[in-house]
Amino acid sequence: MGKRKPLNNHSPSTFSPVHHHMNLLCQQMFLYANCQSRMDASFTKQLCLLTSKNLITLSQKSQTRLSLAIRRSLCTKCSIPLHMSGKVRMRRRSIHVHCSLCNHKQIIDCPYDQWCSKYVESVLPDSSCDKLLEEYNNE
């Protein structure tokens, strides 16, 4: 007979300190990105880049996956938040995201049958259209 594994007493509503630290880094990154108009632009980009690199390093070392909204809000090549230096274009079956800092293009495929015009609002993290999405989904 082998050893029994100890029971996991953690409820799904409790979060580890790693998750809290990742949440803090993500909030800092978006705070720095929103302060871009009030501060020096190059300094703000460096702060955002440093914070996003720390976030990615922490997730890799702790073997914790970043959420989909955070992964899609960062450039996959230079790791800067896309709402600072990115352009989003809607195409028929995909969303094209272009980072103007490193000229990297990312294509997010959308299934043709499941396409709806408000898909962009559900992908972007700073969406203020949550009420519209709920009304649209309830129809």
N, C-alpha and C. Protein backbone atom coordinates (compact mmCIF):
# COMPACT_ATOMS: atom_id res chain seq x y z
N MET A 1 0.83 -1.18 0.00
CA MET A 1 0.00 0.00 0.00
C MET A 1 0.88 1.25 0.00
N GLY A 2 0.50 2.22 -0.79
CA GLY A 2 1.24 3.46 -0.86
C GLY A 2 0.77 4.47 0.18
N LYS A 3 1.48 5.56 0.25
CA LYS A 3 1.10 6.61 1.19
C LYS A 3 -0.12 7.34 0.67
N ARG A 4 -0.95 7.77 1.57
CA ARG A 4 -2.12 8.56 1.19
C ARG A 4 -1.71 10.02 1.09
N LYS A 5 -2.26 10.69 0.12
CA LYS A 5 -1.99 12.11 -0.02
C LYS A 5 -2.82 12.87 1.01
N PRO A 6 -2.26 13.93 1.59
CA PRO A 6 -3.04 14.71 2.55
C PRO A 6 -4.19 15.42 1.85
N LEU A 7 -5.27 15.59 2.57
CA LEU A 7 -6.44 16.26 2.01
C LEU A 7 -6.15 17.74 1.85
N ASN A 8 -6.65 18.31 0.78
CA ASN A 8 -6.49 19.73 0.52
C ASN A 8 -7.64 20.46 1.20
N ASN A 9 -7.33 21.19 2.26
CA ASN A 9 -8.36 21.88 3.04
C ASN A 9 -8.65 23.28 2.53
N HIS A 10 -8.04 23.68 1.42
CA HIS A 10 -8.24 25.02 0.90
C HIS A 10 -9.56 25.09 0.14
N SER A 11 -10.34 26.08 0.44
CA SER A 11 -11.57 26.28 -0.32
C SER A 11 -11.24 27.06 -1.58
N PRO A 12 -12.06 26.98 -2.62
CA PRO A 12 -11.75 27.69 -3.86
C PRO A 12 -11.77 29.20 -3.72
N SER A 13 -12.34 29.72 -2.63
CA SER A 13 -12.43 31.17 -2.47
C SER A 13 -11.17 31.76 -1.84
N THR A 14 -10.24 30.93 -1.35
CA THR A 14 -9.01 31.46 -0.77
C THR A 14 -7.93 31.52 -1.84
N PHE A 15 -7.13 32.56 -1.76
CA PHE A 15 -6.07 32.76 -2.74
C PHE A 15 -4.72 32.71 -2.05
N SER A 16 -3.74 32.23 -2.77
CA SER A 16 -2.39 32.13 -2.21
C SER A 16 -1.73 33.51 -2.21
N PRO A 17 -0.66 33.69 -1.45
CA PRO A 17 0.06 34.97 -1.47
C PRO A 17 0.62 35.30 -2.85
N VAL A 18 0.91 34.28 -3.65
CA VAL A 18 1.40 34.52 -5.02
C VAL A 18 0.32 35.21 -5.85
N HIS A 19 -0.92 34.74 -5.72
CA HIS A 19 -2.01 35.35 -6.47
C HIS A 19 -2.24 36.80 -6.02
N HIS A 20 -2.13 37.06 -4.73
CA HIS A 20 -2.29 38.44 -4.25
C HIS A 20 -1.17 39.33 -4.78
N HIS A 21 0.05 38.82 -4.82
CA HIS A 21 1.17 39.61 -5.34
C HIS A 21 1.02 39.85 -6.84
N MET A 22 0.55 38.84 -7.58
CA MET A 22 0.32 39.02 -9.01
C MET A 22 -0.78 40.05 -9.25
N ASN A 23 -1.81 40.04 -8.42
CA ASN A 23 -2.88 41.03 -8.52
C ASN A 23 -2.34 42.43 -8.26
N LEU A 24 -1.47 42.57 -7.26
CA LEU A 24 -0.87 43.87 -6.95
C LEU A 24 -0.03 44.37 -8.12
N LEU A 25 0.79 43.49 -8.71
CA LEU A 25 1.62 43.89 -9.85
C LEU A 25 0.77 44.30 -11.05
N CYS A 26 -0.32 43.59 -11.27
CA CYS A 26 -1.20 43.92 -12.38
C CYS A 26 -1.87 45.28 -12.16
N GLN A 27 -2.31 45.55 -10.94
CA GLN A 27 -2.91 46.84 -10.63
C GLN A 27 -1.90 47.97 -10.79
N GLN A 28 -0.66 47.74 -10.35
CA GLN A 28 0.39 48.75 -10.52
C GLN A 28 0.65 49.02 -11.99
N MET A 29 0.71 47.97 -12.79
CA MET A 29 0.99 48.13 -14.21
C MET A 29 -0.08 48.99 -14.88
N PHE A 30 -1.36 48.70 -14.60
CA PHE A 30 -2.43 49.48 -15.22
C PHE A 30 -2.51 50.89 -14.64
N LEU A 31 -2.11 51.08 -13.38
CA LEU A 31 -2.07 52.42 -12.80
C LEU A 31 -1.00 53.26 -13.49
N TYR A 32 0.18 52.68 -13.70
CA TYR A 32 1.25 53.40 -14.41
C TYR A 32 0.84 53.71 -15.84
N ALA A 33 0.14 52.80 -16.48
CA ALA A 33 -0.28 53.03 -17.87
C ALA A 33 -1.31 54.15 -17.94
N ASN A 34 -2.17 54.26 -16.94
CA ASN A 34 -3.18 55.32 -16.94
C ASN A 34 -2.60 56.67 -16.55
N CYS A 35 -1.43 56.70 -15.91
CA CYS A 35 -0.77 57.96 -15.53
C CYS A 35 0.14 58.49 -16.63
N GLN A 36 0.06 57.91 -17.80
CA GLN A 36 0.97 58.28 -18.89
C GLN A 36 0.80 59.74 -19.29
N SER A 37 -0.41 60.27 -19.25
CA SER A 37 -0.63 61.65 -19.68
C SER A 37 -0.07 62.65 -18.67
N ARG A 38 0.01 62.28 -17.39
CA ARG A 38 0.48 63.21 -16.37
C ARG A 38 1.98 63.14 -16.13
N MET A 39 2.61 62.06 -16.52
CA MET A 39 4.04 61.89 -16.26
C MET A 39 4.81 61.82 -17.59
N ASP A 40 6.11 61.73 -17.48
CA ASP A 40 6.95 61.58 -18.66
C ASP A 40 6.64 60.24 -19.32
N ALA A 41 6.42 60.25 -20.63
CA ALA A 41 5.97 59.05 -21.35
C ALA A 41 7.02 57.93 -21.32
N SER A 42 8.28 58.27 -21.51
CA SER A 42 9.32 57.22 -21.52
C SER A 42 9.49 56.60 -20.13
N PHE A 43 9.39 57.44 -19.09
CA PHE A 43 9.50 56.92 -17.72
C PHE A 43 8.33 56.00 -17.40
N THR A 44 7.14 56.37 -17.85
CA THR A 44 5.95 55.54 -17.62
C THR A 44 6.07 54.21 -18.35
N LYS A 45 6.58 54.23 -19.58
CA LYS A 45 6.76 52.98 -20.32
C LYS A 45 7.77 52.07 -19.63
N GLN A 46 8.83 52.66 -19.08
CA GLN A 46 9.82 51.85 -18.37
C GLN A 46 9.22 51.23 -17.10
N LEU A 47 8.39 52.00 -16.38
CA LEU A 47 7.73 51.46 -15.19
C LEU A 47 6.79 50.32 -15.55
N CYS A 48 6.01 50.51 -16.62
CA CYS A 48 5.08 49.46 -17.06
C CYS A 48 5.83 48.22 -17.52
N LEU A 49 6.91 48.42 -18.24
CA LEU A 49 7.70 47.30 -18.73
C LEU A 49 8.32 46.51 -17.58
N LEU A 50 8.86 47.22 -16.60
CA LEU A 50 9.46 46.57 -15.44
C LEU A 50 8.41 45.79 -14.64
N THR A 51 7.25 46.39 -14.45
CA THR A 51 6.19 45.72 -13.69
C THR A 51 5.66 44.50 -14.44
N SER A 52 5.48 44.61 -15.75
CA SER A 52 4.98 43.47 -16.51
C SER A 52 6.01 42.34 -16.57
N LYS A 53 7.30 42.68 -16.67
CA LYS A 53 8.34 41.64 -16.64
C LYS A 53 8.35 40.93 -15.28
N ASN A 54 8.17 41.71 -14.19
CA ASN A 54 8.11 41.09 -12.86
C ASN A 54 6.90 40.18 -12.75
N LEU A 55 5.78 40.59 -13.33
CA LEU A 55 4.57 39.78 -13.30
C LEU A 55 4.77 38.46 -14.05
N ILE A 56 5.38 38.53 -15.22
CA ILE A 56 5.62 37.33 -16.02
C ILE A 56 6.64 36.41 -15.33
N THR A 57 7.69 37.01 -14.76
CA THR A 57 8.69 36.21 -14.05
C THR A 57 8.08 35.51 -12.84
N LEU A 58 7.25 36.22 -12.09
CA LEU A 58 6.60 35.63 -10.92
C LEU A 58 5.68 34.48 -11.32
N SER A 59 4.95 34.66 -12.41
CA SER A 59 4.06 33.58 -12.85
C SER A 59 4.84 32.37 -13.34
N GLN A 60 5.98 32.59 -13.99
CA GLN A 60 6.79 31.47 -14.46
C GLN A 60 7.45 30.73 -13.30
N LYS A 61 8.00 31.47 -12.34
CA LYS A 61 8.70 30.82 -11.23
C LYS A 61 7.75 30.11 -10.28
N SER A 62 6.55 30.64 -10.12
CA SER A 62 5.59 29.98 -9.23
C SER A 62 4.72 28.97 -9.98
N GLN A 63 4.92 28.86 -11.28
CA GLN A 63 4.16 27.96 -12.15
C GLN A 63 2.66 28.22 -12.03
N THR A 64 2.31 29.50 -12.09
CA THR A 64 0.92 29.94 -12.03
C THR A 64 0.58 30.61 -13.34
N ARG A 65 -0.54 30.24 -13.92
CA ARG A 65 -0.93 30.82 -15.20
C ARG A 65 -1.54 32.20 -15.00
N LEU A 66 -1.18 33.10 -15.90
CA LEU A 66 -1.82 34.41 -15.91
C LEU A 66 -3.22 34.28 -16.49
N SER A 67 -4.11 35.14 -16.08
CA SER A 67 -5.46 35.07 -16.62
C SER A 67 -5.45 35.49 -18.09
N LEU A 68 -6.48 35.09 -18.79
CA LEU A 68 -6.57 35.36 -20.23
C LEU A 68 -6.63 36.86 -20.51
N ALA A 69 -7.33 37.61 -19.68
CA ALA A 69 -7.43 39.06 -19.88
C ALA A 69 -6.07 39.73 -19.74
N ILE A 70 -5.27 39.27 -18.78
CA ILE A 70 -3.93 39.86 -18.59
C ILE A 70 -3.01 39.46 -19.74
N ARG A 71 -3.06 38.19 -20.14
CA ARG A 71 -2.20 37.74 -21.24
C ARG A 71 -2.52 38.47 -22.53
N ARG A 72 -3.79 38.72 -22.79
CA ARG A 72 -4.16 39.41 -24.03
C ARG A 72 -3.95 40.91 -23.95
N SER A 73 -3.77 41.46 -22.76
CA SER A 73 -3.52 42.89 -22.65
C SER A 73 -2.03 43.21 -22.74
N LEU A 74 -1.16 42.19 -22.76
CA LEU A 74 0.28 42.40 -22.88
C LEU A 74 0.75 41.98 -24.27
N CYS A 75 1.74 42.69 -24.78
CA CYS A 75 2.36 42.29 -26.04
C CYS A 75 3.16 41.02 -25.79
N THR A 76 3.04 40.05 -26.68
CA THR A 76 3.73 38.78 -26.48
C THR A 76 5.24 38.89 -26.73
N LYS A 77 5.67 39.93 -27.42
CA LYS A 77 7.09 40.07 -27.73
C LYS A 77 7.81 40.97 -26.71
N CYS A 78 7.28 42.17 -26.47
CA CYS A 78 7.99 43.12 -25.60
C CYS A 78 7.36 43.26 -24.22
N SER A 79 6.22 42.64 -23.96
CA SER A 79 5.55 42.59 -22.65
C SER A 79 5.09 43.94 -22.13
N ILE A 80 4.85 44.89 -22.99
CA ILE A 80 4.31 46.18 -22.55
C ILE A 80 2.79 46.13 -22.69
N PRO A 81 2.05 46.81 -21.82
CA PRO A 81 0.58 46.81 -21.97
C PRO A 81 0.15 47.39 -23.31
N LEU A 82 -0.76 46.70 -23.97
CA LEU A 82 -1.14 47.09 -25.33
C LEU A 82 -1.98 48.36 -25.37
N HIS A 83 -2.63 48.73 -24.28
CA HIS A 83 -3.41 49.96 -24.36
C HIS A 83 -2.52 51.20 -24.28
N MET A 84 -1.20 51.01 -24.07
CA MET A 84 -0.27 52.13 -24.16
C MET A 84 0.24 52.32 -25.58
N SER A 85 0.51 51.22 -26.26
CA SER A 85 1.15 51.33 -27.57
C SER A 85 0.53 50.38 -28.59
N GLY A 86 -0.71 50.03 -28.43
CA GLY A 86 -1.30 49.05 -29.33
C GLY A 86 -2.48 49.57 -30.12
N LYS A 87 -2.76 48.89 -31.21
CA LYS A 87 -3.92 49.18 -32.05
C LYS A 87 -4.69 47.89 -32.23
N VAL A 88 -6.00 47.97 -32.13
CA VAL A 88 -6.86 46.80 -32.31
C VAL A 88 -7.71 47.02 -33.54
N ARG A 89 -7.69 46.04 -34.45
CA ARG A 89 -8.51 46.13 -35.66
C ARG A 89 -9.38 44.89 -35.75
N MET A 90 -10.63 45.09 -36.05
CA MET A 90 -11.57 43.99 -36.19
C MET A 90 -11.59 43.55 -37.64
N ARG A 91 -11.45 42.29 -37.85
CA ARG A 91 -11.59 41.70 -39.17
C ARG A 91 -12.78 40.75 -39.16
N ARG A 92 -13.04 40.12 -40.28
CA ARG A 92 -14.23 39.29 -40.38
C ARG A 92 -14.20 38.09 -39.43
N ARG A 93 -13.07 37.40 -39.37
CA ARG A 93 -12.99 36.20 -38.53
C ARG A 93 -11.88 36.28 -37.49
N SER A 94 -11.30 37.44 -37.28
CA SER A 94 -10.21 37.54 -36.32
C SER A 94 -10.08 38.97 -35.82
N ILE A 95 -9.32 39.10 -34.76
CA ILE A 95 -8.98 40.40 -34.19
C ILE A 95 -7.47 40.57 -34.36
N HIS A 96 -7.05 41.65 -34.98
CA HIS A 96 -5.63 41.91 -35.20
C HIS A 96 -5.17 42.95 -34.18
N VAL A 97 -4.17 42.59 -33.40
CA VAL A 97 -3.60 43.49 -32.40
C VAL A 97 -2.18 43.80 -32.84
N HIS A 98 -1.88 45.09 -32.95
CA HIS A 98 -0.57 45.53 -33.44
C HIS A 98 0.09 46.38 -32.37
N CYS A 99 1.29 45.99 -31.94
CA CYS A 99 2.06 46.77 -30.98
C CYS A 99 2.94 47.74 -31.76
N SER A 100 2.76 49.04 -31.53
CA SER A 100 3.54 50.02 -32.29
C SER A 100 4.94 50.20 -31.72
N LEU A 101 5.21 49.67 -30.53
CA LEU A 101 6.54 49.81 -29.95
C LEU A 101 7.54 48.84 -30.57
N CYS A 102 7.12 47.58 -30.77
CA CYS A 102 8.04 46.57 -31.33
C CYS A 102 7.57 46.04 -32.69
N ASN A 103 6.49 46.59 -33.23
CA ASN A 103 5.91 46.19 -34.53
C ASN A 103 5.53 44.72 -34.58
N HIS A 104 5.07 44.19 -33.48
CA HIS A 104 4.63 42.80 -33.42
C HIS A 104 3.13 42.73 -33.66
N LYS A 105 2.70 41.78 -34.48
CA LYS A 105 1.28 41.59 -34.76
C LYS A 105 0.81 40.30 -34.12
N GLN A 106 -0.33 40.37 -33.47
CA GLN A 106 -0.94 39.20 -32.85
C GLN A 106 -2.34 39.06 -33.43
N ILE A 107 -2.69 37.85 -33.83
CA ILE A 107 -4.00 37.59 -34.42
C ILE A 107 -4.76 36.65 -33.50
N ILE A 108 -5.94 37.10 -33.06
CA ILE A 108 -6.81 36.29 -32.21
C ILE A 108 -7.94 35.80 -33.09
N ASP A 109 -8.00 34.50 -33.31
CA ASP A 109 -9.04 33.93 -34.17
C ASP A 109 -10.36 33.85 -33.43
N CYS A 110 -11.43 34.12 -34.17
CA CYS A 110 -12.79 33.99 -33.65
C CYS A 110 -13.51 32.99 -34.53
N PRO A 111 -14.17 32.00 -33.96
CA PRO A 111 -14.94 31.07 -34.79
C PRO A 111 -16.04 31.81 -35.54
N TYR A 112 -16.25 31.43 -36.78
CA TYR A 112 -17.20 32.15 -37.63
C TYR A 112 -18.63 32.04 -37.11
N ASP A 113 -19.00 30.88 -36.57
CA ASP A 113 -20.37 30.70 -36.11
C ASP A 113 -20.64 31.43 -34.80
N GLN A 114 -19.61 31.66 -34.01
CA GLN A 114 -19.80 32.27 -32.70
C GLN A 114 -19.47 33.76 -32.70
N TRP A 115 -19.36 34.36 -33.82
CA TRP A 115 -18.99 35.76 -33.90
C TRP A 115 -20.14 36.64 -33.45
N CYS A 116 -19.84 37.63 -32.64
CA CYS A 116 -20.82 38.67 -32.32
C CYS A 116 -20.08 40.00 -32.33
N SER A 117 -20.79 41.07 -32.57
CA SER A 117 -20.14 42.36 -32.77
C SER A 117 -19.53 42.91 -31.49
N LYS A 118 -19.92 42.41 -30.33
CA LYS A 118 -19.41 42.94 -29.07
C LYS A 118 -18.31 42.05 -28.49
N TYR A 119 -17.65 41.26 -29.32
CA TYR A 119 -16.60 40.37 -28.83
C TYR A 119 -15.42 41.15 -28.28
N VAL A 120 -15.10 42.30 -28.89
CA VAL A 120 -13.97 43.11 -28.45
C VAL A 120 -14.16 43.58 -27.02
N GLU A 121 -15.38 43.95 -26.63
CA GLU A 121 -15.61 44.43 -25.28
C GLU A 121 -15.34 43.35 -24.24
N SER A 122 -15.56 42.09 -24.61
CA SER A 122 -15.31 41.02 -23.64
C SER A 122 -13.83 40.64 -23.59
N VAL A 123 -13.04 41.00 -24.60
CA VAL A 123 -11.62 40.64 -24.64
C VAL A 123 -10.78 41.68 -23.92
N LEU A 124 -11.08 42.95 -24.11
CA LEU A 124 -10.26 44.01 -23.53
C LEU A 124 -10.50 44.13 -22.03
N PRO A 125 -9.43 44.31 -21.23
CA PRO A 125 -9.58 44.31 -19.78
C PRO A 125 -10.24 45.57 -19.22
N ASP A 126 -10.10 46.71 -19.88
CA ASP A 126 -10.65 47.95 -19.36
C ASP A 126 -12.02 48.24 -19.94
N SER A 127 -12.81 47.22 -20.10
CA SER A 127 -14.11 47.38 -20.71
C SER A 127 -15.09 48.00 -19.73
N SER A 128 -15.75 49.04 -20.15
CA SER A 128 -16.79 49.65 -19.33
C SER A 128 -18.17 49.26 -19.84
N CYS A 129 -18.22 48.26 -20.69
CA CYS A 129 -19.48 47.84 -21.31
C CYS A 129 -20.03 46.57 -20.69
N ASP A 130 -19.74 46.33 -19.41
CA ASP A 130 -20.20 45.09 -18.78
C ASP A 130 -21.72 45.01 -18.74
N LYS A 131 -22.37 46.13 -18.48
CA LYS A 131 -23.84 46.12 -18.43
C LYS A 131 -24.42 45.82 -19.80
N LEU A 132 -23.82 46.40 -20.85
CA LEU A 132 -24.30 46.13 -22.20
C LEU A 132 -24.10 44.67 -22.57
N LEU A 133 -22.97 44.10 -22.15
CA LEU A 133 -22.73 42.69 -22.43
C LEU A 133 -23.73 41.79 -21.72
N GLU A 134 -24.05 42.12 -20.46
CA GLU A 134 -25.02 41.32 -19.73
C GLU A 134 -26.40 41.41 -20.38
N GLU A 135 -26.79 42.62 -20.81
CA GLU A 135 -28.08 42.78 -21.48
C GLU A 135 -28.10 42.02 -22.80
N TYR A 136 -26.98 42.07 -23.54
CA TYR A 136 -26.90 41.39 -24.83
C TYR A 136 -26.97 39.88 -24.65
N ASN A 137 -26.29 39.37 -23.62
CA ASN A 137 -26.29 37.93 -23.38
C ASN A 137 -27.62 37.43 -22.84
N ASN A 138 -28.36 38.29 -22.15
CA ASN A 138 -29.66 37.89 -21.60
C ASN A 138 -30.76 37.90 -22.65
N GLU A 139 -30.53 38.54 -23.78
CA GLU A 139 -31.56 38.60 -24.83
C GLU A 139 -31.77 37.28 -25.51
